[in-house]
Amino acid sequence: MMAYGGPFTALYRQALEAEWREKIKSLGIPVLENINMKQLLEDPVVTKSWNAASLPNDDLSIENGIIMFGSKRWPLMIDPQN
């Protein structure tokens, strides 16, 4: 998700994660139900510091922060509001 999710909206990211989970299950690979990028990669202390700096607390914004700070290169991010 980190490599592919950046330019997509929250709803599309959720659909991608669901599709990937189903494909993983179909291959017989154990996977947690309803796991998502935020649950797996979020550092709650870091997220709280973003919130204290008045950054939004919605899932899309937190995922964008995870992608920005977890990427080794320049992630492609598109603001769906514009």
C-alpha atoms as a PDB file:
ATOM      1  CA  MET A   1       0.000   0.000   0.000  1.00  0.00           C
ATOM      2  CA  MET A   2       2.865   2.358   0.733  1.00  0.00           C
ATOM      3  CA  ALA A   3       4.093   2.049  -2.840  1.00  0.00           C
ATOM      4  CA  TYR A   4       0.712   2.259  -4.563  1.00  0.00           C
ATOM      5  CA  GLY A   5      -1.752   4.028  -2.253  1.00  0.00           C
ATOM      6  CA  GLY A   6      -0.501   7.615  -2.249  1.00  0.00           C
ATOM      7  CA  PRO A   7      -2.410   9.131  -5.147  1.00  0.00           C
ATOM      8  CA  PHE A   8      -5.775   7.581  -4.275  1.00  0.00           C
ATOM      9  CA  THR A   9      -8.733   8.669  -2.186  1.00  0.00           C
ATOM     10  CA  ALA A  10      -9.618   7.011   1.123  1.00  0.00           C
ATOM     11  CA  LEU A  11     -12.468   5.000  -0.428  1.00  0.00           C
ATOM     12  CA  TYR A  12     -10.288   3.735  -3.243  1.00  0.00           C
ATOM     13  CA  ARG A  13      -7.521   2.783  -0.801  1.00  0.00           C
ATOM     14  CA  GLN A  14     -10.044   0.803   1.248  1.00  0.00           C
ATOM     15  CA  ALA A  15     -11.210  -0.989  -1.890  1.00  0.00           C
ATOM     16  CA  LEU A  16      -7.594  -1.791  -2.859  1.00  0.00           C
ATOM     17  CA  GLU A  17      -6.852  -3.190   0.590  1.00  0.00           C
ATOM     18  CA  ALA A  18      -9.992  -5.334   0.503  1.00  0.00           C
ATOM     19  CA  GLU A  19      -9.143  -6.640  -2.972  1.00  0.00           C
ATOM     20  CA  TRP A  20      -5.569  -7.437  -1.947  1.00  0.00           C
ATOM     21  CA  ARG A  21      -6.770  -9.211   1.208  1.00  0.00           C
ATOM     22  CA  GLU A  22      -9.083 -11.414  -0.862  1.00  0.00           C
ATOM     23  CA  LYS A  23      -6.292 -12.247  -3.315  1.00  0.00           C
ATOM     24  CA  ILE A  24      -3.916 -13.087  -0.454  1.00  0.00           C
ATOM     25  CA  LYS A  25      -6.566 -15.359   1.116  1.00  0.00           C
ATOM     26  CA  SER A  26      -7.228 -17.048  -2.234  1.00  0.00           C
ATOM     27  CA  LEU A  27      -3.526 -17.952  -2.372  1.00  0.00           C
ATOM     28  CA  GLY A  28      -3.813 -19.673   1.003  1.00  0.00           C
ATOM     29  CA  ILE A  29      -1.722 -17.088   2.837  1.00  0.00           C
ATOM     30  CA  PRO A  30      -2.986 -16.312   6.348  1.00  0.00           C
ATOM     31  CA  VAL A  31      -4.135 -12.709   6.719  1.00  0.00           C
ATOM     32  CA  LEU A  32      -5.860 -10.783   9.497  1.00  0.00           C
ATOM     33  CA  GLU A  33      -9.399  -9.751   8.671  1.00  0.00           C
ATOM     34  CA  ASN A  34      -9.933  -6.012   8.247  1.00  0.00           C
ATOM     35  CA  ILE A  35      -6.270  -5.109   8.812  1.00  0.00           C
ATOM     36  CA  ASN A  36      -5.286  -1.883   7.110  1.00  0.00           C
ATOM     37  CA  MET A  37      -2.195   0.224   6.557  1.00  0.00           C
ATOM     38  CA  LYS A  38      -2.989   2.591   9.413  1.00  0.00           C
ATOM     39  CA  GLN A  39      -3.433  -0.217  11.958  1.00  0.00           C
ATOM     40  CA  LEU A  40      -0.264  -1.940  10.826  1.00  0.00           C
ATOM     41  CA  LEU A  41       2.113   1.009  10.422  1.00  0.00           C
ATOM     42  CA  GLU A  42       0.784   3.793  12.651  1.00  0.00           C
ATOM     43  CA  ASP A  43       2.905   4.978  15.565  1.00  0.00           C
ATOM     44  CA  PRO A  44       0.291   6.479  17.923  1.00  0.00           C
ATOM     45  CA  VAL A  45       2.843   8.780  19.579  1.00  0.00           C
ATOM     46  CA  VAL A  46       3.846  10.259  16.217  1.00  0.00           C
ATOM     47  CA  THR A  47       0.203  10.590  15.171  1.00  0.00           C
ATOM     48  CA  LYS A  48      -0.604  12.459  18.382  1.00  0.00           C
ATOM     49  CA  SER A  49       2.255  14.854  17.690  1.00  0.00           C
ATOM     50  CA  TRP A  50       0.802  15.518  14.219  1.00  0.00           C
ATOM     51  CA  ASN A  51      -2.586  16.209  15.820  1.00  0.00           C
ATOM     52  CA  ALA A  52      -0.983  18.522  18.394  1.00  0.00           C
ATOM     53  CA  ALA A  53       0.465  20.454  15.436  1.00  0.00           C
ATOM     54  CA  SER A  54      -3.140  20.928  14.144  1.00  0.00           C
ATOM     55  CA  LEU A  55      -2.892  18.379  11.347  1.00  0.00           C
ATOM     56  CA  PRO A  56      -6.125  16.518  10.537  1.00  0.00           C
ATOM     57  CA  ASN A  57      -6.979  13.321  12.415  1.00  0.00           C
ATOM     58  CA  ASP A  58      -8.860  11.479   9.660  1.00  0.00           C
ATOM     59  CA  ASP A  59      -7.607   8.136   8.318  1.00  0.00           C
ATOM     60  CA  LEU A  60      -6.589   9.560   4.927  1.00  0.00           C
ATOM     61  CA  SER A  61      -4.418  12.268   6.500  1.00  0.00           C
ATOM     62  CA  ILE A  62      -2.793   9.795   8.885  1.00  0.00           C
ATOM     63  CA  GLU A  63      -2.139   7.354   6.036  1.00  0.00           C
ATOM     64  CA  ASN A  64      -0.638  10.198   3.997  1.00  0.00           C
ATOM     65  CA  GLY A  65       1.681  11.013   6.900  1.00  0.00           C
ATOM     66  CA  ILE A  66       2.675   7.354   7.205  1.00  0.00           C
ATOM     67  CA  ILE A  67       3.439   7.259   3.475  1.00  0.00           C
ATOM     68  CA  MET A  68       5.362  10.552   3.563  1.00  0.00           C
ATOM     69  CA  PHE A  69       7.532   9.626   6.533  1.00  0.00           C
ATOM     70  CA  GLY A  70       7.888   5.947   5.609  1.00  0.00           C
ATOM     71  CA  SER A  71       8.977   6.463   2.005  1.00  0.00           C
ATOM     72  CA  LYS A  72      12.618   6.387   1.034  1.00  0.00           C
ATOM     73  CA  ARG A  73      12.006   8.444  -2.103  1.00  0.00           C
ATOM     74  CA  TRP A  74       9.535  11.127  -3.097  1.00  0.00           C
ATOM     75  CA  PRO A  75       6.012   9.747  -2.768  1.00  0.00           C
ATOM     76  CA  LEU A  76       3.323  10.848  -5.177  1.00  0.00           C
ATOM     77  CA  MET A  77       0.562  12.466  -3.138  1.00  0.00           C
ATOM     78  CA  ILE A  78      -2.554  14.040  -4.649  1.00  0.00           C
ATOM     79  CA  ASP A  79      -4.924  16.138  -2.571  1.00  0.00           C
ATOM     80  CA  PRO A  80      -8.407  14.860  -3.500  1.00  0.00           C
ATOM     81  CA  GLN A  81      -9.904  18.177  -2.324  1.00  0.00           C
ATOM     82  CA  ASN A  82      -8.406  20.054  -5.312  1.00  0.00           C
END
